[in-house]
């Protein structure tokens, strides 16, 4: 990943990890580039590509490249325009495994999870955590909704916000905003919707970065079919749950089975079509 096959050359290396006692001097390019190195404390801390991915994520890198028994190289993202040929074959080291430190969909920059764009309205807020010193009285909707709040000294990035979500009972999605009160992080922990047809999960918001508590929490066509066929969602005949159906075969709107509002039933059908082909949720690379 990010090697000589790219028109922009090698991606900038953030850090290089090796096993216990690893001799980094055997690779002259590390010293010549002034790259930070670290030998892990135990062999089982770096014996798989997933270990390398986790180490690079902790180092603030965008990508990783892992060679068993050798190195874990953490790399930054290129500037815009260098994405072509992101991955190239390496005949000299065919065992290398590489990929992003966060798989697509894990962090949605410029989007709010469970916001006003969703046909079911805002997702229920479980809790709001902000950097110590944050004034919770400024956003009046917090008090209006009676949302629990807390301060922390460890909230600088969306990844910190995700960790808070993972440790909070009932939290399925998070939304991080560092601009509401400059210099202080603002992390909203949210519940999941009761139905997979509450879409879109993410709506555009330039100030927010959001995502799921755990990567890979996507619904498949099979999940949607079960709601249509078993629960008779939206009072639509079960035949409309077939992924081969076109939007013209479904009514424009239908009454919601879980509320009085209505929404375009074609939205759910198209969502199912979007997952057709993978047949499974996303997983870490």
C-alpha atoms as a PDB file:
ATOM      1  CA  UNK A   1       0.000   0.000   0.000  1.00  0.00           C
ATOM      2  CA  UNK A   2       1.299   3.471  -0.870  1.00  0.00           C
ATOM      3  CA  UNK A   3       4.397   2.193  -2.674  1.00  0.00           C
ATOM      4  CA  UNK A   4       6.276   3.020  -5.866  1.00  0.00           C
ATOM      5  CA  UNK A   5       3.290   1.991  -8.009  1.00  0.00           C
ATOM      6  CA  UNK A   6       1.594   5.260  -7.088  1.00  0.00           C
ATOM      7  CA  UNK A   7       2.215   8.277  -9.303  1.00  0.00           C
ATOM      8  CA  UNK A   8       2.982  10.339  -6.174  1.00  0.00           C
ATOM      9  CA  UNK A   9       5.546   7.861  -4.883  1.00  0.00           C
ATOM     10  CA  UNK A  10       5.612   6.305  -1.436  1.00  0.00           C
ATOM     11  CA  UNK A  11       3.034   7.443   1.127  1.00  0.00           C
ATOM     12  CA  UNK A  12       4.616   9.282   4.096  1.00  0.00           C
ATOM     13  CA  UNK A  13       5.540   6.818   6.840  1.00  0.00           C
ATOM     14  CA  UNK A  14       4.335   7.802  10.315  1.00  0.00           C
ATOM     15  CA  UNK A  15       5.954   5.036  12.336  1.00  0.00           C
ATOM     16  CA  UNK A  16       7.470   1.574  11.979  1.00  0.00           C
ATOM     17  CA  UNK A  17       6.848  -1.227  14.497  1.00  0.00           C
ATOM     18  CA  UNK A  18       8.873  -4.407  14.923  1.00  0.00           C
ATOM     19  CA  UNK A  19       8.897  -7.425  17.176  1.00  0.00           C
ATOM     20  CA  UNK A  20      10.700  -7.520  20.547  1.00  0.00           C
ATOM     21  CA  UNK A  21      14.338  -6.499  20.086  1.00  0.00           C
ATOM     22  CA  UNK A  22      13.919  -5.925  16.360  1.00  0.00           C
ATOM     23  CA  UNK A  23      17.001  -4.503  14.583  1.00  0.00           C
ATOM     24  CA  UNK A  24      15.635  -1.549  12.604  1.00  0.00           C
ATOM     25  CA  UNK A  25      19.150  -0.638  11.399  1.00  0.00           C
ATOM     26  CA  UNK A  26      18.881  -3.509   8.906  1.00  0.00           C
ATOM     27  CA  UNK A  27      16.589  -1.239   6.868  1.00  0.00           C
ATOM     28  CA  UNK A  28      18.578   1.843   5.861  1.00  0.00           C
ATOM     29  CA  UNK A  29      15.532   3.640   4.468  1.00  0.00           C
ATOM     30  CA  UNK A  30      14.052   3.940   7.975  1.00  0.00           C
ATOM     31  CA  UNK A  31      16.979   5.966   9.303  1.00  0.00           C
ATOM     32  CA  UNK A  32      17.412   7.954   6.093  1.00  0.00           C
ATOM     33  CA  UNK A  33      13.805   9.131   6.321  1.00  0.00           C
ATOM     34  CA  UNK A  34      13.987   9.770  10.053  1.00  0.00           C
ATOM     35  CA  UNK A  35      10.995   7.551  10.762  1.00  0.00           C
ATOM     36  CA  UNK A  36      10.088   6.854  14.393  1.00  0.00           C
ATOM     37  CA  UNK A  37      10.436   3.185  15.377  1.00  0.00           C
ATOM     38  CA  UNK A  38       9.180   1.050  18.231  1.00  0.00           C
ATOM     39  CA  UNK A  39       9.776  -2.576  19.186  1.00  0.00           C
ATOM     40  CA  UNK A  40       6.703  -4.086  20.856  1.00  0.00           C
ATOM     41  CA  UNK A  41       7.107  -5.659  24.267  1.00  0.00           C
ATOM     42  CA  UNK A  42       5.840  -9.148  23.433  1.00  0.00           C
ATOM     43  CA  UNK A  43       5.727 -11.238  20.255  1.00  0.00           C
ATOM     44  CA  UNK A  44       1.941 -11.678  20.403  1.00  0.00           C
ATOM     45  CA  UNK A  45       1.484  -7.902  20.167  1.00  0.00           C
ATOM     46  CA  UNK A  46       2.538  -8.049  16.523  1.00  0.00           C
ATOM     47  CA  UNK A  47       1.839 -11.463  15.050  1.00  0.00           C
ATOM     48  CA  UNK A  48      -0.999 -10.611  12.670  1.00  0.00           C
ATOM     49  CA  UNK A  49      -2.164  -7.975  10.206  1.00  0.00           C
ATOM     50  CA  UNK A  50      -4.915  -6.987  12.641  1.00  0.00           C
ATOM     51  CA  UNK A  51      -2.307  -6.300  15.321  1.00  0.00           C
ATOM     52  CA  UNK A  52      -0.484  -4.064  12.853  1.00  0.00           C
ATOM     53  CA  UNK A  53      -3.724  -2.312  11.943  1.00  0.00           C
ATOM     54  CA  UNK A  54      -4.447  -1.580  15.612  1.00  0.00           C
ATOM     55  CA  UNK A  55      -0.919  -0.315  16.274  1.00  0.00           C
ATOM     56  CA  UNK A  56      -1.074   2.032  13.294  1.00  0.00           C
ATOM     57  CA  UNK A  57      -4.487   3.311  14.337  1.00  0.00           C
ATOM     58  CA  UNK A  58      -3.050   4.148  17.748  1.00  0.00           C
ATOM     59  CA  UNK A  59      -0.142   5.926  16.044  1.00  0.00           C
ATOM     60  CA  UNK A  60      -2.590   8.194  14.206  1.00  0.00           C
ATOM     61  CA  UNK A  61      -1.853   6.678  10.784  1.00  0.00           C
ATOM     62  CA  UNK A  62      -4.308   6.256   7.909  1.00  0.00           C
ATOM     63  CA  UNK A  63      -2.908   3.005   6.472  1.00  0.00           C
ATOM     64  CA  UNK A  64      -0.779   0.028   7.464  1.00  0.00           C
ATOM     65  CA  UNK A  65       1.445  -2.512   5.727  1.00  0.00           C
ATOM     66  CA  UNK A  66       2.328  -5.729   7.556  1.00  0.00           C
ATOM     67  CA  UNK A  67       5.044  -8.239   6.666  1.00  0.00           C
ATOM     68  CA  UNK A  68       5.005 -11.328   8.939  1.00  0.00           C
ATOM     69  CA  UNK A  69       8.117 -11.635  11.064  1.00  0.00           C
ATOM     70  CA  UNK A  70       9.430  -8.313   9.774  1.00  0.00           C
ATOM     71  CA  UNK A  71       7.797  -4.922  10.041  1.00  0.00           C
ATOM     72  CA  UNK A  72       4.552  -3.068  10.530  1.00  0.00           C
ATOM     73  CA  UNK A  73       4.734   0.208   8.597  1.00  0.00           C
ATOM     74  CA  UNK A  74       2.192   2.927   9.411  1.00  0.00           C
ATOM     75  CA  UNK A  75       1.491   5.487   6.682  1.00  0.00           C
ATOM     76  CA  UNK A  76      -0.296   8.785   6.242  1.00  0.00           C
ATOM     77  CA  UNK A  77      -2.861   9.590   3.588  1.00  0.00           C
ATOM     78  CA  UNK A  78      -1.632  11.307   0.426  1.00  0.00           C
ATOM     79  CA  UNK A  79      -2.752  14.745  -0.616  1.00  0.00           C
ATOM     80  CA  UNK A  80      -5.811  14.894  -2.873  1.00  0.00           C
ATOM     81  CA  UNK A  81      -5.091  13.543  -6.339  1.00  0.00           C
ATOM     82  CA  UNK A  82      -2.781  10.691  -5.354  1.00  0.00           C
ATOM     83  CA  UNK A  83      -5.446   8.036  -4.746  1.00  0.00           C
ATOM     84  CA  UNK A  84      -4.893   6.227  -8.062  1.00  0.00           C
ATOM     85  CA  UNK A  85      -3.047   2.926  -7.601  1.00  0.00           C
ATOM     86  CA  UNK A  86      -3.411   3.019  -3.844  1.00  0.00           C
ATOM     87  CA  UNK A  87      -2.309  -0.617  -3.683  1.00  0.00           C
ATOM     88  CA  UNK A  88       0.416  -2.191  -5.794  1.00  0.00           C
ATOM     89  CA  UNK A  89       1.858  -5.701  -6.118  1.00  0.00           C
ATOM     90  CA  UNK A  90       5.125  -6.215  -4.289  1.00  0.00           C
ATOM     91  CA  UNK A  91       6.945  -9.144  -5.923  1.00  0.00           C
ATOM     92  CA  UNK A  92       9.880  -8.750  -3.540  1.00  0.00           C
ATOM     93  CA  UNK A  93       7.669  -9.247  -0.468  1.00  0.00           C
ATOM     94  CA  UNK A  94       4.582 -11.228  -1.556  1.00  0.00           C
ATOM     95  CA  UNK A  95       3.453 -11.828   2.038  1.00  0.00           C
ATOM     96  CA  UNK A  96       2.683  -8.175   2.768  1.00  0.00           C
ATOM     97  CA  UNK A  97      -0.869  -7.403   3.911  1.00  0.00           C
ATOM     98  CA  UNK A  98      -2.021  -3.790   3.832  1.00  0.00           C
ATOM     99  CA  UNK A  99      -5.125  -1.683   4.214  1.00  0.00           C
ATOM    100  CA  UNK A 100      -6.712   1.281   6.016  1.00  0.00           C
ATOM    101  CA  UNK A 101      -6.481   1.614   9.794  1.00  0.00           C
ATOM    102  CA  UNK A 102     -10.200   2.376   9.761  1.00  0.00           C
ATOM    103  CA  UNK A 103     -12.325   0.570   7.194  1.00  0.00           C
ATOM    104  CA  UNK A 104     -14.681   2.638   4.993  1.00  0.00           C
ATOM    105  CA  UNK A 105     -17.771   3.678   6.886  1.00  0.00           C
ATOM    106  CA  UNK A 106     -16.139   3.557  10.329  1.00  0.00           C
ATOM    107  CA  UNK A 107     -15.678   7.312  10.499  1.00  0.00           C
ATOM    108  CA  UNK A 108     -17.886   9.563   8.373  1.00  0.00           C
ATOM    109  CA  UNK A 109     -16.229  12.974   8.175  1.00  0.00           C
ATOM    110  CA  UNK A 110     -18.671  15.810   7.543  1.00  0.00           C
ATOM    111  CA  UNK A 111     -21.698  13.721   8.531  1.00  0.00           C
ATOM    112  CA  UNK A 112     -23.953  13.401  11.574  1.00  0.00           C
ATOM    113  CA  UNK A 113     -25.212   9.958  12.616  1.00  0.00           C
ATOM    114  CA  UNK A 114     -28.900   9.762  13.456  1.00  0.00           C
ATOM    115  CA  UNK A 115     -29.553  13.403  12.702  1.00  0.00           C
ATOM    116  CA  UNK A 116     -32.375  15.405  11.162  1.00  0.00           C
ATOM    117  CA  UNK A 117     -31.888  13.828   7.714  1.00  0.00           C
ATOM    118  CA  UNK A 118     -33.281  10.489   8.922  1.00  0.00           C
ATOM    119  CA  UNK A 119     -36.899   9.754   8.017  1.00  0.00           C
ATOM    120  CA  UNK A 120     -37.490   8.616  11.609  1.00  0.00           C
ATOM    121  CA  UNK A 121     -36.110  11.813  13.100  1.00  0.00           C
ATOM    122  CA  UNK A 122     -33.237  12.202  15.533  1.00  0.00           C
ATOM    123  CA  UNK A 123     -31.816   9.084  17.199  1.00  0.00           C
ATOM    124  CA  UNK A 124     -32.269   9.015  20.976  1.00  0.00           C
ATOM    125  CA  UNK A 125     -29.280  10.525  22.768  1.00  0.00           C
ATOM    126  CA  UNK A 126     -27.953   8.248  25.515  1.00  0.00           C
ATOM    127  CA  UNK A 127     -25.422  10.702  26.910  1.00  0.00           C
ATOM    128  CA  UNK A 128     -23.297  13.700  25.982  1.00  0.00           C
ATOM    129  CA  UNK A 129     -19.642  13.885  27.028  1.00  0.00           C
ATOM    130  CA  UNK A 130     -17.447  16.953  26.542  1.00  0.00           C
ATOM    131  CA  UNK A 131     -13.989  18.176  27.439  1.00  0.00           C
ATOM    132  CA  UNK A 132     -13.581  19.492  30.988  1.00  0.00           C
ATOM    133  CA  UNK A 133     -14.748  23.102  31.122  1.00  0.00           C
ATOM    134  CA  UNK A 134     -17.389  22.734  28.409  1.00  0.00           C
ATOM    135  CA  UNK A 135     -20.531  24.766  29.100  1.00  0.00           C
ATOM    136  CA  UNK A 136     -23.483  22.407  28.623  1.00  0.00           C
ATOM    137  CA  UNK A 137     -25.997  25.231  29.093  1.00  0.00           C
ATOM    138  CA  UNK A 138     -25.107  26.716  25.706  1.00  0.00           C
ATOM    139  CA  UNK A 139     -26.909  24.125  23.543  1.00  0.00           C
ATOM    140  CA  UNK A 140     -30.398  24.533  25.074  1.00  0.00           C
ATOM    141  CA  UNK A 141     -31.707  21.284  23.583  1.00  0.00           C
ATOM    142  CA  UNK A 142     -29.564  19.263  26.007  1.00  0.00           C
ATOM    143  CA  UNK A 143     -31.520  20.474  29.041  1.00  0.00           C
ATOM    144  CA  UNK A 144     -34.816  20.408  27.130  1.00  0.00           C
ATOM    145  CA  UNK A 145     -34.385  16.715  26.375  1.00  0.00           C
ATOM    146  CA  UNK A 146     -32.963  15.925  29.826  1.00  0.00           C
ATOM    147  CA  UNK A 147     -29.877  14.232  28.366  1.00  0.00           C
ATOM    148  CA  UNK A 148     -27.246  13.091  30.919  1.00  0.00           C
ATOM    149  CA  UNK A 149     -23.904  14.903  30.574  1.00  0.00           C
ATOM    150  CA  UNK A 150     -20.353  14.359  31.769  1.00  0.00           C
ATOM    151  CA  UNK A 151     -16.914  15.941  31.442  1.00  0.00           C
ATOM    152  CA  UNK A 152     -13.649  14.185  30.592  1.00  0.00           C
ATOM    153  CA  UNK A 153     -10.006  15.133  30.041  1.00  0.00           C
ATOM    154  CA  UNK A 154      -9.595  12.580  27.247  1.00  0.00           C
ATOM    155  CA  UNK A 155     -11.668  13.767  24.296  1.00  0.00           C
ATOM    156  CA  UNK A 156      -9.657  15.176  21.415  1.00  0.00           C
ATOM    157  CA  UNK A 157     -10.622  13.065  18.397  1.00  0.00           C
ATOM    158  CA  UNK A 158     -13.560  11.114  16.928  1.00  0.00           C
ATOM    159  CA  UNK A 159     -11.745   7.940  18.006  1.00  0.00           C
ATOM    160  CA  UNK A 160     -11.899   9.070  21.648  1.00  0.00           C
ATOM    161  CA  UNK A 161     -15.618   9.646  21.141  1.00  0.00           C
ATOM    162  CA  UNK A 162     -16.000   6.143  19.705  1.00  0.00           C
ATOM    163  CA  UNK A 163     -14.285   4.640  22.764  1.00  0.00           C
ATOM    164  CA  UNK A 164     -16.788   6.442  24.987  1.00  0.00           C
ATOM    165  CA  UNK A 165     -19.619   5.013  22.907  1.00  0.00           C
ATOM    166  CA  UNK A 166     -18.212   1.486  23.174  1.00  0.00           C
ATOM    167  CA  UNK A 167     -18.112   1.760  26.962  1.00  0.00           C
ATOM    168  CA  UNK A 168     -21.600   3.266  27.329  1.00  0.00           C
ATOM    169  CA  UNK A 169     -24.536   0.851  27.648  1.00  0.00           C
ATOM    170  CA  UNK A 170     -27.057   1.382  24.852  1.00  0.00           C
ATOM    171  CA  UNK A 171     -24.762   3.440  22.613  1.00  0.00           C
ATOM    172  CA  UNK A 172     -24.706   2.320  18.984  1.00  0.00           C
ATOM    173  CA  UNK A 173     -23.505   5.475  17.184  1.00  0.00           C
ATOM    174  CA  UNK A 174     -21.552   8.586  18.070  1.00  0.00           C
ATOM    175  CA  UNK A 175     -21.175  12.122  16.727  1.00  0.00           C
ATOM    176  CA  UNK A 176     -18.078  14.221  17.483  1.00  0.00           C
ATOM    177  CA  UNK A 177     -17.929  18.002  17.160  1.00  0.00           C
ATOM    178  CA  UNK A 178     -14.840  20.046  18.054  1.00  0.00           C
ATOM    179  CA  UNK A 179     -16.202  23.397  16.875  1.00  0.00           C
ATOM    180  CA  UNK A 180     -19.236  24.108  19.072  1.00  0.00           C
ATOM    181  CA  UNK A 181     -16.904  25.532  21.720  1.00  0.00           C
ATOM    182  CA  UNK A 182     -13.409  25.792  20.136  1.00  0.00           C
ATOM    183  CA  UNK A 183     -10.723  23.800  21.891  1.00  0.00           C
ATOM    184  CA  UNK A 184     -13.215  21.495  23.579  1.00  0.00           C
ATOM    185  CA  UNK A 185     -14.527  18.215  22.224  1.00  0.00           C
ATOM    186  CA  UNK A 186     -18.263  17.473  22.159  1.00  0.00           C
ATOM    187  CA  UNK A 187     -19.336  13.822  21.882  1.00  0.00           C
ATOM    188  CA  UNK A 188     -22.974  12.746  21.505  1.00  0.00           C
ATOM    189  CA  UNK A 189     -23.677   9.071  22.226  1.00  0.00           C
ATOM    190  CA  UNK A 190     -26.780   7.737  20.480  1.00  0.00           C
ATOM    191  CA  UNK A 191     -29.017   4.687  20.425  1.00  0.00           C
ATOM    192  CA  UNK A 192     -29.712   2.736  17.261  1.00  0.00           C
ATOM    193  CA  UNK A 193     -33.049   3.089  15.515  1.00  0.00           C
ATOM    194  CA  UNK A 194     -35.717   0.448  16.130  1.00  0.00           C
ATOM    195  CA  UNK A 195     -36.018  -0.410  12.447  1.00  0.00           C
ATOM    196  CA  UNK A 196     -33.471  -0.791   9.604  1.00  0.00           C
ATOM    197  CA  UNK A 197     -35.651   1.279   7.275  1.00  0.00           C
ATOM    198  CA  UNK A 198     -34.884   4.414   9.296  1.00  0.00           C
ATOM    199  CA  UNK A 199     -32.583   5.938   6.693  1.00  0.00           C
ATOM    200  CA  UNK A 200     -30.275   7.589   5.912  1.00  0.00           C
ATOM    201  CA  UNK A 201     -28.154   6.773   8.937  1.00  0.00           C
ATOM    202  CA  UNK A 202     -25.821   9.661   8.073  1.00  0.00           C
ATOM    203  CA  UNK A 203     -26.694  13.198   7.003  1.00  0.00           C
ATOM    204  CA  UNK A 204     -24.298  15.921   5.873  1.00  0.00           C
ATOM    205  CA  UNK A 205     -22.935  18.255   8.548  1.00  0.00           C
ATOM    206  CA  UNK A 206     -19.564  19.865   7.880  1.00  0.00           C
ATOM    207  CA  UNK A 207     -18.650  20.245  11.571  1.00  0.00           C
ATOM    208  CA  UNK A 208     -19.271  16.651  12.651  1.00  0.00           C
ATOM    209  CA  UNK A 209     -17.478  13.297  12.346  1.00  0.00           C
ATOM    210  CA  UNK A 210     -19.573  10.277  13.279  1.00  0.00           C
ATOM    211  CA  UNK A 211     -19.805   6.520  13.021  1.00  0.00           C
ATOM    212  CA  UNK A 212     -20.866   3.247  14.659  1.00  0.00           C
ATOM    213  CA  UNK A 213     -19.543   2.043  17.998  1.00  0.00           C
ATOM    214  CA  UNK A 214     -18.184  -1.028  16.228  1.00  0.00           C
ATOM    215  CA  UNK A 215     -17.236  -1.262  12.567  1.00  0.00           C
ATOM    216  CA  UNK A 216     -19.271  -3.692  10.528  1.00  0.00           C
ATOM    217  CA  UNK A 217     -22.692  -2.945  12.035  1.00  0.00           C
ATOM    218  CA  UNK A 218     -24.541  -2.816   8.715  1.00  0.00           C
ATOM    219  CA  UNK A 219     -27.875  -4.441   7.892  1.00  0.00           C
ATOM    220  CA  UNK A 220     -28.055  -6.917   5.045  1.00  0.00           C
ATOM    221  CA  UNK A 221     -30.858  -7.596   2.568  1.00  0.00           C
ATOM    222  CA  UNK A 222     -31.809 -10.630   4.624  1.00  0.00           C
ATOM    223  CA  UNK A 223     -32.478  -8.457   7.671  1.00  0.00           C
ATOM    224  CA  UNK A 224     -34.701  -6.124   5.664  1.00  0.00           C
ATOM    225  CA  UNK A 225     -36.613  -9.036   4.125  1.00  0.00           C
ATOM    226  CA  UNK A 226     -37.387 -10.413   7.563  1.00  0.00           C
ATOM    227  CA  UNK A 227     -39.097  -7.142   8.507  1.00  0.00           C
ATOM    228  CA  UNK A 228     -41.120  -7.015   5.314  1.00  0.00           C
ATOM    229  CA  UNK A 229     -42.157 -10.657   5.263  1.00  0.00           C
ATOM    230  CA  UNK A 230     -42.544 -11.467   8.958  1.00  0.00           C
ATOM    231  CA  UNK A 231     -43.505  -8.145  10.536  1.00  0.00           C
ATOM    232  CA  UNK A 232     -45.397  -6.867   7.478  1.00  0.00           C
ATOM    233  CA  UNK A 233     -43.522  -3.607   7.775  1.00  0.00           C
ATOM    234  CA  UNK A 234     -45.273  -0.581   6.368  1.00  0.00           C
ATOM    235  CA  UNK A 235     -48.266  -2.654   5.227  1.00  0.00           C
ATOM    236  CA  UNK A 236     -46.470  -3.593   2.033  1.00  0.00           C
ATOM    237  CA  UNK A 237     -46.930  -7.002   0.422  1.00  0.00           C
ATOM    238  CA  UNK A 238     -44.055  -9.394   1.049  1.00  0.00           C
ATOM    239  CA  UNK A 239     -43.245  -9.576  -2.657  1.00  0.00           C
ATOM    240  CA  UNK A 240     -41.872  -6.030  -2.512  1.00  0.00           C
ATOM    241  CA  UNK A 241     -39.057  -7.265  -0.277  1.00  0.00           C
ATOM    242  CA  UNK A 242     -37.455  -9.081  -3.208  1.00  0.00           C
ATOM    243  CA  UNK A 243     -34.214  -7.277  -4.076  1.00  0.00           C
ATOM    244  CA  UNK A 244     -35.024  -7.676  -7.762  1.00  0.00           C
ATOM    245  CA  UNK A 245     -38.078  -5.424  -7.440  1.00  0.00           C
ATOM    246  CA  UNK A 246     -37.824  -1.997  -9.017  1.00  0.00           C
ATOM    247  CA  UNK A 247     -38.816   1.210  -7.313  1.00  0.00           C
ATOM    248  CA  UNK A 248     -41.750   1.594  -9.694  1.00  0.00           C
ATOM    249  CA  UNK A 249     -43.286  -1.631  -8.319  1.00  0.00           C
ATOM    250  CA  UNK A 250     -43.560  -0.164  -4.838  1.00  0.00           C
ATOM    251  CA  UNK A 251     -45.964   2.556  -3.665  1.00  0.00           C
ATOM    252  CA  UNK A 252     -44.449   6.026  -3.270  1.00  0.00           C
ATOM    253  CA  UNK A 253     -45.352   6.215   0.427  1.00  0.00           C
ATOM    254  CA  UNK A 254     -46.782   3.901   3.041  1.00  0.00           C
ATOM    255  CA  UNK A 255     -47.893   4.167   6.643  1.00  0.00           C
ATOM    256  CA  UNK A 256     -45.169   3.316   9.137  1.00  0.00           C
ATOM    257  CA  UNK A 257     -45.777   0.279  11.343  1.00  0.00           C
ATOM    258  CA  UNK A 258     -43.933   1.891  14.254  1.00  0.00           C
ATOM    259  CA  UNK A 259     -45.396   5.381  14.153  1.00  0.00           C
ATOM    260  CA  UNK A 260     -47.845   7.734  12.528  1.00  0.00           C
ATOM    261  CA  UNK A 261     -45.349   9.271  10.090  1.00  0.00           C
ATOM    262  CA  UNK A 262     -44.935   8.121   6.511  1.00  0.00           C
ATOM    263  CA  UNK A 263     -41.813   7.622   4.424  1.00  0.00           C
ATOM    264  CA  UNK A 264     -40.922   6.620   0.841  1.00  0.00           C
ATOM    265  CA  UNK A 265     -40.957   2.827   0.825  1.00  0.00           C
ATOM    266  CA  UNK A 266     -38.610   2.909  -2.166  1.00  0.00           C
ATOM    267  CA  UNK A 267     -35.893   4.150   0.176  1.00  0.00           C
ATOM    268  CA  UNK A 268     -35.828   0.837   2.028  1.00  0.00           C
ATOM    269  CA  UNK A 269     -35.865  -1.143  -1.210  1.00  0.00           C
ATOM    270  CA  UNK A 270     -32.924   0.842  -2.542  1.00  0.00           C
ATOM    271  CA  UNK A 271     -31.082   0.319   0.741  1.00  0.00           C
ATOM    272  CA  UNK A 272     -31.480  -3.409   0.275  1.00  0.00           C
ATOM    273  CA  UNK A 273     -30.172  -3.159  -3.271  1.00  0.00           C
ATOM    274  CA  UNK A 274     -27.152  -1.293  -1.961  1.00  0.00           C
ATOM    275  CA  UNK A 275     -26.154  -4.271   0.169  1.00  0.00           C
ATOM    276  CA  UNK A 276     -26.872  -6.808  -2.529  1.00  0.00           C
ATOM    277  CA  UNK A 277     -23.624  -8.275  -3.780  1.00  0.00           C
ATOM    278  CA  UNK A 278     -21.739  -8.242  -0.481  1.00  0.00           C
ATOM    279  CA  UNK A 279     -24.397 -10.228   1.339  1.00  0.00           C
ATOM    280  CA  UNK A 280     -22.663  -9.459   4.609  1.00  0.00           C
ATOM    281  CA  UNK A 281     -21.746  -6.620   6.911  1.00  0.00           C
ATOM    282  CA  UNK A 282     -18.460  -4.811   6.531  1.00  0.00           C
ATOM    283  CA  UNK A 283     -15.593  -6.126   8.618  1.00  0.00           C
ATOM    284  CA  UNK A 284     -12.165  -4.832   9.492  1.00  0.00           C
ATOM    285  CA  UNK A 285      -9.614  -5.271   6.727  1.00  0.00           C
END
